[in-house]
Amino acid sequence: MTLRWRIVALVAAATCAAAAAVGVLVHHASRDRELSQARDGARTTLERAALGYARTGGVQGSGAVLDAPGLPGGLRRLVAKGHQGTEFATGPDGPAMWAARPADGQVLSVRVDMNTAMRNISALDTNIILAGLMTTAVVLPLGVLTAERMSRRLRLAAATARRIAAGDLDARISPAARPHDEIAEISGAVDSMAAALQERLLDEQRFTADVAHELRTPLMGLVTAAELLPPGEAAGYVRDRVRVLSTLVEELLEISRLDAGAEEADLSPCPLGPVLDEAIAGTGLSARLRTGTAEDTGQPDSAEDTGQRDATDRTGQRDSADGTGPWHSADGTGPWHSADGTGPWHSADGPKVWTDPRRLTRIVANLVVNAHRHGREPVEVTVAADGRTVTVRDHGTGYPDDLLEKGPQRFRTGVRERGRGHGLGLTIAVGQAQVIGATLEFGNAPDGGAVATLRLPEEPERPELSDLPEPPEPGPIHG
């Protein structure tokens, strides 16, 4: 049960309890008053009848009766002991107040009928119940309205907190100033926390960008100096380390631009096949390029999926001298080439996606490099049947649980057995995917291996020529 309905139920229960308590109190007070008045009236009448009986020896016209047959047994026994008293009882003639006393060995009694009084009390009880229901009917909508406003404000605070947790550090609740309002205090605290967190993250981003920028100039000098070293094992090691350091600085600069939102995608329709070819070739690593179903996760759908029809290895090398190699099968054909050397996927006229080809190449290349660095071969790049979903899979130990739960984090490469690296490649891939409007998800295949799924956005609809406004007709030319 949500907080709103809990508040509504509490208001309804409190209203009903208050109405019931008031009704019980009023009922007992009214009944006691009626009984007290009837008892006093019966005693007064009995005293007058006793005086008349003492003077005249009769009770005619006094309202009293000698040895009344309907006298309650308890009152009769009390009179037999020589006492007088009163008792409320309900008999065949309805409720009545009795008063009795001894009179020369007989019982002198007075009966006061209370049918009207009890009916009035019953009517009062009914009116109290109706008043309670009416009060509940009036108060309950007000409680619903108040609870809805409180619930709406709390939901807004929760939604803003979720946006902040998702990375939208500009999200704010901006509550109105309300003194002695706990929800406003909570909202203000969330906004203050978000502002402090944003400032710290911006400081971290500025620090990363400044460090990378300041390292760039001395690094260029170091690269130049390394190239001037005489050939040898030590020189090769130095050049390799300088190249690694240069790559790290460039990745830090790229991440700083992504964090600052300075990257803008140059979206256009482009053929997917050549872009994937270029991405794989640029890595210099082998990868099997496949086409599969829309739900493909790197698992072959049938024996044909691992043959020449749907898959071929990409190693970043061009065709060999005899016209064959990783880009073509022995007869010059393959899944991306038809018998005449062309094909729907490899040609510029093949299926197209709405994306930035340079950034898409960067994403796929990072995923392939990560698969080789932290997984095991074979590495498979699969294009789903919808033509917009690209899956990169290796056959290693899979992504660590921390990455699957929290996503890629900088300078974290997961468990030790997944290899080495700076832990920036997947972070850059996620950032570039956001720039081009794509989604990048990470998972593990059931039979082992890491699976990265890139879903590219759909191409926006273009207006038909018939939908475009007609140009205005030229008007007359005045001299």
Protein backbone atom coordinates (compact mmCIF):
# COMPACT_ATOMS: atom_id res chain seq x y z
CA MET A 1 0.00 0.00 0.00
CA THR A 2 1.37 3.39 -0.99
CA LEU A 3 1.84 6.24 1.45
CA ARG A 4 -1.12 8.12 -0.04
CA TRP A 5 -3.57 5.32 0.65
CA ARG A 6 -2.10 4.71 4.06
CA ILE A 7 -2.78 8.34 4.95
CA VAL A 8 -6.30 8.10 3.50
CA ALA A 9 -6.99 4.92 5.48
CA LEU A 10 -5.65 6.56 8.64
CA VAL A 11 -7.85 9.64 8.12
CA ALA A 12 -10.91 7.46 7.50
CA ALA A 13 -10.21 5.31 10.57
CA ALA A 14 -9.59 8.37 12.76
CA THR A 15 -12.81 10.04 11.55
CA CYS A 16 -14.89 6.93 12.12
CA ALA A 17 -13.33 6.37 15.55
CA ALA A 18 -14.03 9.97 16.55
CA ALA A 19 -17.62 9.76 15.31
CA ALA A 20 -18.16 6.46 17.15
CA ALA A 21 -16.69 7.84 20.37
CA VAL A 22 -18.88 10.94 20.19
CA GLY A 23 -21.93 8.80 19.40
CA VAL A 24 -21.35 6.51 22.38
CA LEU A 25 -20.85 9.44 24.75
CA VAL A 26 -23.96 11.25 23.52
CA HIS A 27 -26.02 8.06 23.66
CA HIS A 28 -25.08 7.30 27.27
CA ALA A 29 -25.49 10.92 28.35
CA SER A 30 -28.96 11.15 26.76
CA ARG A 31 -30.07 7.81 28.19
CA ASP A 32 -28.82 8.67 31.66
CA ARG A 33 -30.62 12.03 31.52
CA GLU A 34 -33.90 10.43 30.46
CA LEU A 35 -33.63 7.74 33.15
CA SER A 36 -32.80 10.34 35.81
CA GLN A 37 -35.77 12.48 34.86
CA ALA A 38 -38.10 9.47 34.82
CA ARG A 39 -36.78 8.28 38.20
CA ASP A 40 -37.32 11.72 39.76
CA GLY A 41 -40.83 11.91 38.31
CA ALA A 42 -41.70 8.42 39.58
CA ARG A 43 -40.43 9.22 43.11
CA THR A 44 -42.38 12.48 43.23
CA THR A 45 -45.58 10.77 42.09
CA LEU A 46 -45.02 7.93 44.59
CA GLU A 47 -44.59 10.40 47.51
CA ARG A 48 -47.79 12.21 46.59
CA ALA A 49 -49.67 8.92 46.25
CA ALA A 50 -48.36 7.76 49.66
CA LEU A 51 -49.58 10.97 51.34
CA GLY A 52 -52.99 10.59 49.73
CA TYR A 53 -53.18 6.92 50.69
CA ALA A 54 -52.32 7.80 54.32
CA ARG A 55 -55.12 10.36 54.46
CA THR A 56 -57.84 8.63 52.50
CA GLY A 57 -56.77 5.00 52.37
CA GLY A 58 -57.17 5.01 48.57
CA VAL A 59 -55.00 5.68 45.50
CA GLN A 60 -57.62 6.76 42.99
CA GLY A 61 -56.39 9.62 40.80
CA SER A 62 -52.91 9.59 42.26
CA GLY A 63 -51.26 7.59 39.40
CA ALA A 64 -50.19 4.86 41.85
CA VAL A 65 -51.29 1.22 42.05
CA LEU A 66 -51.44 -1.25 44.90
CA ASP A 67 -49.80 -4.61 44.25
CA ALA A 68 -49.30 -3.98 40.51
CA PRO A 69 -48.93 -7.30 38.63
CA GLY A 70 -46.12 -6.04 36.38
CA LEU A 71 -43.87 -4.86 39.21
CA PRO A 72 -40.27 -6.08 38.66
CA GLY A 73 -39.28 -8.91 40.99
CA GLY A 74 -36.19 -7.19 42.31
CA LEU A 75 -38.11 -4.10 43.32
CA ARG A 76 -40.85 -6.28 44.91
CA ARG A 77 -38.27 -8.07 47.09
CA LEU A 78 -36.75 -4.72 48.10
CA VAL A 79 -40.17 -3.45 49.23
CA ALA A 80 -40.79 -6.68 51.15
CA LYS A 81 -37.77 -5.83 53.25
CA GLY A 82 -39.39 -2.52 54.16
CA HIS A 83 -37.45 -0.31 51.74
CA GLN A 84 -38.52 1.84 48.86
CA GLY A 85 -36.70 2.16 45.52
CA THR A 86 -36.84 2.58 41.76
CA GLU A 87 -35.99 0.27 38.85
CA PHE A 88 -35.93 0.58 35.05
CA ALA A 89 -37.38 -2.49 33.36
CA THR A 90 -38.72 -3.57 29.99
CA GLY A 91 -41.93 -5.54 30.11
CA PRO A 92 -44.76 -6.52 27.78
CA ASP A 93 -45.88 -2.89 27.61
CA GLY A 94 -42.41 -1.61 26.76
CA PRO A 95 -39.71 0.14 28.79
CA ALA A 96 -40.79 1.87 32.00
CA MET A 97 -39.41 3.37 35.22
CA TRP A 98 -40.95 1.85 38.39
CA ALA A 99 -41.00 3.33 41.92
CA ALA A 100 -42.42 1.37 44.88
CA ARG A 101 -42.69 1.45 48.68
CA PRO A 102 -44.52 -0.54 51.38
CA ALA A 103 -48.05 0.59 52.39
CA ASP A 104 -49.87 -1.31 55.19
CA GLY A 105 -48.57 -4.71 54.08
CA GLN A 106 -49.12 -3.92 50.44
CA VAL A 107 -46.86 -2.54 47.68
CA LEU A 108 -47.64 0.93 46.49
CA SER A 109 -46.01 1.49 43.07
CA VAL A 110 -45.86 4.03 40.25
CA ARG A 111 -45.07 3.22 36.62
CA VAL A 112 -43.67 5.92 34.24
CA ASP A 113 -43.86 4.89 30.58
CA MET A 114 -40.57 5.49 28.64
CA ASN A 115 -41.47 4.31 25.14
CA THR A 116 -41.29 7.85 23.78
CA ALA A 117 -38.00 8.58 25.53
CA MET A 118 -36.36 5.39 24.21
CA ARG A 119 -37.61 6.11 20.68
CA ASN A 120 -36.09 9.57 20.94
CA ILE A 121 -32.76 8.05 22.01
CA SER A 122 -32.88 5.59 19.10
CA ALA A 123 -33.58 8.45 16.70
CA LEU A 124 -30.67 10.36 18.24
CA ASP A 125 -28.39 7.36 17.68
CA THR A 126 -29.44 7.18 14.05
CA ASN A 127 -28.79 10.89 13.58
CA ILE A 128 -25.36 10.52 15.16
CA ILE A 129 -24.49 7.68 12.75
CA LEU A 130 -25.66 9.76 9.77
CA ALA A 131 -23.69 12.75 11.03
CA GLY A 132 -20.59 10.55 11.38
CA LEU A 133 -20.97 9.25 7.83
CA MET A 134 -21.45 12.78 6.49
CA THR A 135 -18.39 13.97 8.39
CA THR A 136 -16.35 11.10 6.98
CA ALA A 137 -17.62 11.88 3.48
CA VAL A 138 -16.48 15.50 3.88
CA VAL A 139 -13.18 14.86 5.62
CA LEU A 140 -12.06 11.89 3.49
CA PRO A 141 -11.73 13.83 0.18
CA LEU A 142 -9.77 16.50 2.01
CA GLY A 143 -7.51 13.77 3.37
CA VAL A 144 -7.14 12.28 -0.12
CA LEU A 145 -6.22 15.70 -1.53
CA THR A 146 -3.70 16.37 1.21
CA ALA A 147 -2.19 12.89 0.89
CA GLU A 148 -2.00 13.24 -2.90
CA ARG A 149 -0.11 16.52 -2.61
CA MET A 150 2.32 15.02 -0.11
CA SER A 151 2.74 11.89 -2.21
CA ARG A 152 3.32 13.96 -5.37
CA ARG A 153 6.04 15.97 -3.68
CA LEU A 154 7.70 12.84 -2.32
CA ARG A 155 7.51 11.16 -5.74
CA LEU A 156 9.11 14.23 -7.29
CA ALA A 157 11.92 14.06 -4.75
CA ALA A 158 12.41 10.34 -5.41
CA ALA A 159 12.38 10.82 -9.19
CA THR A 160 14.92 13.63 -8.91
CA ALA A 161 17.16 11.47 -6.71
CA ARG A 162 16.98 8.68 -9.32
CA ARG A 163 17.91 11.14 -12.08
CA ILE A 164 20.89 12.28 -10.03
CA ALA A 165 21.92 8.67 -9.43
CA ALA A 166 21.65 8.05 -13.19
CA GLY A 167 24.09 10.89 -13.90
CA ASP A 168 21.84 13.92 -14.44
CA LEU A 169 23.60 16.19 -11.95
CA ASP A 170 21.62 19.23 -13.12
CA ALA A 171 18.37 17.73 -11.80
CA ARG A 172 16.87 19.71 -8.92
CA ILE A 173 13.63 19.60 -6.95
CA SER A 174 13.58 23.37 -6.30
CA PRO A 175 11.01 23.27 -3.47
CA ALA A 176 9.04 26.35 -2.52
CA ALA A 177 10.01 27.95 0.77
CA ARG A 178 7.66 26.59 3.43
CA PRO A 179 8.53 27.03 7.09
CA HIS A 180 8.13 23.99 9.32
CA ASP A 181 7.65 21.72 6.29
CA GLU A 182 9.59 18.46 6.60
CA ILE A 183 9.14 17.52 2.93
CA ALA A 184 10.55 20.89 1.87
CA GLU A 185 13.51 20.30 4.17
CA ILE A 186 14.14 16.89 2.62
CA SER A 187 13.88 18.37 -0.88
CA GLY A 188 16.28 21.15 0.00
CA ALA A 189 18.73 18.62 1.44
CA VAL A 190 18.58 16.55 -1.78
CA ASP A 191 19.25 19.66 -3.87
CA SER A 192 22.18 20.63 -1.65
CA MET A 193 23.60 17.12 -1.92
CA ALA A 194 23.23 17.17 -5.71
CA ALA A 195 24.94 20.56 -5.95
CA ALA A 196 27.83 19.42 -3.77
CA LEU A 197 28.19 16.18 -5.73
CA GLN A 198 28.10 18.05 -9.02
CA GLU A 199 30.77 20.47 -7.87
CA ARG A 200 33.05 17.64 -6.78
CA LEU A 201 32.60 15.76 -10.04
CA LEU A 202 33.24 18.93 -12.04
CA ASP A 203 36.42 19.50 -10.05
CA GLU A 204 37.47 15.95 -10.83
CA GLN A 205 36.70 16.38 -14.52
CA ARG A 206 38.57 19.68 -14.68
CA PHE A 207 41.53 18.09 -12.91
CA THR A 208 41.58 15.18 -15.39
CA ALA A 209 41.32 17.51 -18.37
CA ASP A 210 44.03 19.85 -17.03
CA VAL A 211 46.42 16.99 -16.28
CA ALA A 212 45.91 15.44 -19.71
CA HIS A 213 46.36 18.80 -21.42
CA GLU A 214 49.50 19.68 -19.48
CA LEU A 215 51.00 16.27 -20.18
CA ARG A 216 50.44 16.60 -23.89
CA THR A 217 53.27 19.08 -24.56
CA PRO A 218 56.05 17.24 -22.69
CA LEU A 219 54.73 13.97 -24.08
CA MET A 220 55.19 15.16 -27.65
CA GLY A 221 58.79 15.96 -26.83
CA LEU A 222 59.20 12.55 -25.27
CA VAL A 223 57.77 10.89 -28.38
CA THR A 224 60.20 12.81 -30.57
CA ALA A 225 63.13 11.93 -28.32
CA ALA A 226 62.14 8.25 -28.34
CA GLU A 227 62.11 8.19 -32.15
CA LEU A 228 65.67 9.54 -32.18
CA LEU A 229 67.03 6.70 -30.04
CA PRO A 230 69.33 4.28 -31.85
CA PRO A 231 67.78 0.93 -32.72
CA GLY A 232 67.91 -1.66 -29.98
CA GLU A 233 65.90 -3.60 -27.43
CA ALA A 234 65.92 -0.75 -24.89
CA ALA A 235 64.85 1.77 -27.53
CA GLY A 236 61.97 -0.48 -28.59
CA TYR A 237 60.82 -0.81 -25.00
CA VAL A 238 60.99 2.96 -24.49
CA ARG A 239 59.01 3.61 -27.68
CA ASP A 240 56.37 1.08 -26.58
CA ARG A 241 55.97 2.70 -23.17
CA VAL A 242 55.83 6.16 -24.73
CA ARG A 243 53.15 4.95 -27.13
CA VAL A 244 51.13 3.55 -24.21
CA LEU A 245 51.48 6.84 -22.33
CA SER A 246 50.44 8.81 -25.41
CA THR A 247 47.35 6.61 -25.83
CA LEU A 248 46.44 7.14 -22.18
CA VAL A 249 46.70 10.92 -22.48
CA GLU A 250 44.58 10.96 -25.65
CA GLU A 251 41.93 8.79 -23.95
CA LEU A 252 41.89 11.09 -20.92
CA LEU A 253 41.38 14.10 -23.20
CA GLU A 254 38.56 12.27 -25.00
CA ILE A 255 36.88 11.40 -21.69
CA SER A 256 37.18 15.00 -20.50
CA ARG A 257 35.44 16.20 -23.68
CA LEU A 258 32.70 13.61 -23.21
CA ASP A 259 32.23 14.66 -19.59
CA ALA A 260 32.03 18.31 -20.55
CA GLY A 261 29.40 17.59 -23.21
CA ALA A 262 31.63 19.16 -25.85
CA GLU A 263 31.21 16.27 -28.29
CA GLU A 264 28.54 16.59 -30.96
CA ALA A 265 27.61 13.83 -33.37
CA ASP A 266 27.61 14.37 -37.13
CA LEU A 267 24.68 12.08 -37.87
CA SER A 268 23.97 10.90 -41.40
CA PRO A 269 22.78 7.74 -43.14
CA CYS A 270 25.78 5.52 -43.83
CA PRO A 271 26.24 1.84 -44.79
CA LEU A 272 26.96 -0.30 -41.76
CA GLY A 273 29.17 -2.90 -43.47
CA PRO A 274 32.07 -0.64 -44.49
CA VAL A 275 32.03 1.07 -41.10
CA LEU A 276 32.44 -2.27 -39.31
CA ASP A 277 35.12 -3.31 -41.81
CA GLU A 278 37.04 -0.14 -41.07
CA ALA A 279 36.64 -0.51 -37.31
CA ILE A 280 37.94 -4.08 -37.26
CA ALA A 281 40.74 -3.35 -39.72
CA GLY A 282 41.89 -0.40 -37.64
CA THR A 283 42.50 -2.61 -34.61
CA GLY A 284 44.82 -4.99 -36.45
CA LEU A 285 43.10 -7.83 -34.60
CA SER A 286 41.08 -10.78 -35.85
CA ALA A 287 37.31 -10.79 -35.54
CA ARG A 288 34.58 -12.90 -37.11
CA LEU A 289 31.96 -10.77 -38.79
CA ARG A 290 28.52 -12.37 -38.80
CA THR A 291 24.89 -11.66 -39.52
CA GLY A 292 22.29 -13.17 -37.24
CA THR A 293 18.82 -12.79 -35.78
CA ALA A 294 17.47 -9.76 -33.94
CA GLU A 295 18.05 -11.48 -30.61
CA ASP A 296 21.52 -12.77 -31.51
CA THR A 297 23.94 -12.82 -28.60
CA GLY A 298 26.89 -14.29 -30.38
CA GLN A 299 25.59 -17.86 -30.43
CA PRO A 300 25.36 -19.44 -33.90
CA ASP A 301 21.77 -20.19 -34.86
CA SER A 302 22.75 -23.20 -36.96
CA ALA A 303 25.70 -24.89 -38.53
CA GLU A 304 25.51 -22.48 -41.45
CA ASP A 305 26.15 -19.50 -39.17
CA THR A 306 29.79 -20.47 -38.75
CA GLY A 307 30.40 -21.07 -42.46
CA GLN A 308 31.14 -18.89 -45.46
CA ARG A 309 27.55 -17.70 -45.74
CA ASP A 310 27.36 -15.70 -42.49
CA ALA A 311 30.83 -15.32 -41.09
CA THR A 312 34.37 -14.53 -42.12
CA ASP A 313 37.46 -13.52 -40.17
CA ARG A 314 38.70 -9.96 -40.18
CA THR A 315 42.34 -9.48 -39.25
CA GLY A 316 42.88 -5.94 -40.41
CA GLN A 317 44.80 -7.21 -43.46
CA ARG A 318 43.85 -6.58 -47.05
CA ASP A 319 43.51 -9.18 -49.79
CA SER A 320 46.49 -11.35 -50.62
CA ALA A 321 48.23 -11.34 -53.96
CA ASP A 322 46.01 -14.07 -55.36
CA GLY A 323 42.85 -12.14 -54.57
CA THR A 324 41.93 -14.14 -51.49
CA GLY A 325 42.44 -13.54 -47.81
CA PRO A 326 40.52 -12.56 -44.73
CA TRP A 327 38.33 -10.15 -46.68
CA HIS A 328 37.29 -12.69 -49.32
CA SER A 329 36.81 -16.41 -49.52
CA ALA A 330 38.80 -18.51 -51.94
CA ASP A 331 36.41 -17.82 -54.79
CA GLY A 332 36.32 -14.10 -54.10
CA THR A 333 32.98 -14.23 -52.36
CA GLY A 334 31.83 -14.26 -48.79
CA PRO A 335 29.00 -13.06 -46.59
CA TRP A 336 29.78 -9.44 -47.41
CA HIS A 337 30.61 -10.03 -51.07
CA SER A 338 28.67 -11.64 -53.87
CA ALA A 339 30.21 -13.62 -56.67
CA ASP A 340 31.12 -10.50 -58.60
CA GLY A 341 32.91 -8.93 -55.64
CA THR A 342 30.03 -6.79 -54.48
CA GLY A 343 27.26 -7.37 -51.96
CA PRO A 344 24.42 -5.68 -50.14
CA TRP A 345 26.36 -5.29 -46.93
CA HIS A 346 29.75 -4.25 -48.23
CA SER A 347 28.59 -1.85 -50.91
CA ALA A 348 27.81 1.77 -50.28
CA ASP A 349 24.26 1.09 -51.46
CA GLY A 350 23.69 -1.59 -48.79
CA PRO A 351 21.59 -1.27 -45.62
CA LYS A 352 22.26 2.03 -43.87
CA VAL A 353 22.08 3.26 -40.30
CA TRP A 354 21.61 6.76 -38.91
CA THR A 355 24.82 7.44 -37.05
CA ASP A 356 28.18 9.20 -36.95
CA PRO A 357 30.52 6.76 -38.76
CA ARG A 358 33.67 8.07 -37.06
CA ARG A 359 32.24 7.59 -33.57
CA LEU A 360 30.68 4.23 -34.47
CA THR A 361 34.10 3.08 -35.69
CA ARG A 362 35.61 4.20 -32.37
CA ILE A 363 32.97 2.27 -30.36
CA VAL A 364 33.30 -1.00 -32.27
CA ALA A 365 37.11 -0.79 -32.28
CA ASN A 366 37.19 -0.30 -28.50
CA LEU A 367 34.86 -3.27 -27.99
CA VAL A 368 36.99 -5.51 -30.23
CA VAL A 369 40.21 -4.44 -28.52
CA ASN A 370 38.63 -5.01 -25.09
CA ALA A 371 37.44 -8.48 -26.17
CA HIS A 372 40.95 -9.45 -27.26
CA ARG A 373 42.66 -7.87 -24.26
CA HIS A 374 40.43 -9.29 -21.54
CA GLY A 375 38.75 -12.28 -23.22
CA ARG A 376 39.72 -15.11 -25.53
CA GLU A 377 39.32 -15.75 -29.22
CA PRO A 378 37.35 -16.15 -31.34
CA VAL A 379 35.93 -12.63 -31.20
CA GLU A 380 32.64 -12.26 -33.07
CA VAL A 381 31.01 -9.08 -34.37
CA THR A 382 27.37 -9.83 -35.18
CA VAL A 383 24.83 -7.66 -36.98
CA ALA A 384 21.25 -8.55 -36.05
CA ALA A 385 18.47 -8.95 -38.58
CA ASP A 386 17.11 -5.46 -37.81
CA GLY A 387 20.34 -3.97 -39.22
CA ARG A 388 20.77 -1.65 -36.23
CA THR A 389 21.99 -3.97 -33.46
CA VAL A 390 25.70 -4.84 -33.33
CA THR A 391 26.98 -7.45 -30.86
CA VAL A 392 30.64 -7.97 -29.96
CA ARG A 393 31.41 -11.20 -28.14
CA ASP A 394 34.49 -13.01 -26.92
CA HIS A 395 34.84 -16.49 -25.44
CA GLY A 396 36.66 -15.66 -22.21
CA THR A 397 35.51 -15.53 -18.62
CA GLY A 398 32.93 -12.80 -19.23
CA TYR A 399 32.47 -9.39 -17.66
CA PRO A 400 32.89 -9.16 -13.88
CA ASP A 401 29.78 -8.77 -11.74
CA ASP A 402 30.82 -5.27 -10.66
CA LEU A 403 30.85 -4.06 -14.27
CA LEU A 404 27.48 -5.65 -15.01
CA GLU A 405 25.97 -3.99 -11.94
CA LYS A 406 27.55 -0.51 -12.08
CA GLY A 407 28.76 -0.24 -15.67
CA PRO A 408 32.30 0.56 -16.85
CA GLN A 409 34.39 2.62 -14.44
CA ARG A 410 37.59 4.46 -15.16
CA PHE A 411 40.89 2.74 -14.43
CA ARG A 412 39.09 -0.44 -13.38
CA THR A 413 39.67 -3.52 -15.49
CA GLY A 414 37.71 -5.97 -13.35
CA VAL A 415 39.12 -9.20 -11.99
CA ARG A 416 42.82 -9.84 -12.39
CA GLU A 417 42.47 -12.76 -14.76
CA ARG A 418 40.76 -10.56 -17.37
CA GLY A 419 44.11 -9.12 -18.36
CA ARG A 420 45.56 -5.63 -18.28
CA GLY A 421 44.76 -2.16 -19.54
CA HIS A 422 43.76 1.26 -18.32
CA GLY A 423 40.06 0.56 -17.99
CA LEU A 424 39.12 3.51 -20.25
CA GLY A 425 38.08 1.77 -23.48
CA LEU A 426 34.59 0.73 -22.37
CA THR A 427 34.05 4.07 -20.63
CA ILE A 428 34.82 5.86 -23.91
CA ALA A 429 32.58 3.45 -25.83
CA VAL A 430 29.65 4.18 -23.49
CA GLY A 431 30.23 7.94 -23.76
CA GLN A 432 30.45 7.87 -27.57
CA ALA A 433 27.30 5.72 -27.73
CA GLN A 434 25.43 8.36 -25.77
CA VAL A 435 26.68 11.05 -28.15
CA ILE A 436 25.24 9.26 -31.21
CA GLY A 437 22.01 8.38 -29.39
CA ALA A 438 22.76 4.65 -29.16
CA THR A 439 22.57 2.34 -26.15
CA LEU A 440 25.40 0.04 -25.10
CA GLU A 441 24.62 -2.88 -22.81
CA PHE A 442 26.93 -5.45 -21.27
CA GLY A 443 26.21 -9.05 -20.38
CA ASN A 444 27.61 -12.57 -20.35
CA ALA A 445 26.70 -15.41 -22.70
CA PRO A 446 25.15 -18.52 -21.09
CA ASP A 447 28.04 -20.71 -22.31
CA GLY A 448 30.73 -18.20 -21.31
CA GLY A 449 32.15 -15.04 -22.79
CA ALA A 450 31.48 -11.32 -22.59
CA VAL A 451 28.73 -9.85 -24.79
CA ALA A 452 28.47 -6.13 -25.60
CA THR A 453 25.28 -5.11 -27.44
CA LEU A 454 25.15 -1.78 -29.31
CA ARG A 455 21.71 -0.63 -30.45
CA LEU A 456 21.83 2.20 -32.96
CA PRO A 457 18.97 4.73 -33.22
CA GLU A 458 16.41 4.61 -35.97
CA GLU A 459 16.67 7.05 -38.81
CA PRO A 460 14.28 9.98 -38.30
CA GLU A 461 11.36 10.17 -40.66
CA ARG A 462 11.80 12.46 -43.61
CA PRO A 463 8.89 14.50 -44.94
CA GLU A 464 7.46 13.39 -48.24
CA LEU A 465 7.65 15.76 -51.16
CA SER A 466 3.86 15.94 -51.15
CA ASP A 467 3.94 17.14 -47.53
CA LEU A 468 6.23 20.08 -48.24
CA PRO A 469 4.55 23.46 -48.66
CA GLU A 470 4.18 24.64 -52.22
CA PRO A 471 6.22 27.71 -53.17
CA PRO A 472 4.17 30.88 -53.54
CA GLU A 473 3.22 31.91 -57.02
CA PRO A 474 5.21 34.84 -58.36
CA GLY A 475 3.36 38.11 -58.18
CA PRO A 476 3.21 40.82 -60.79
CA ILE A 477 6.29 42.92 -61.41
CA HIS A 478 5.75 46.63 -61.01
CA GLY A 479 7.90 49.10 -62.75
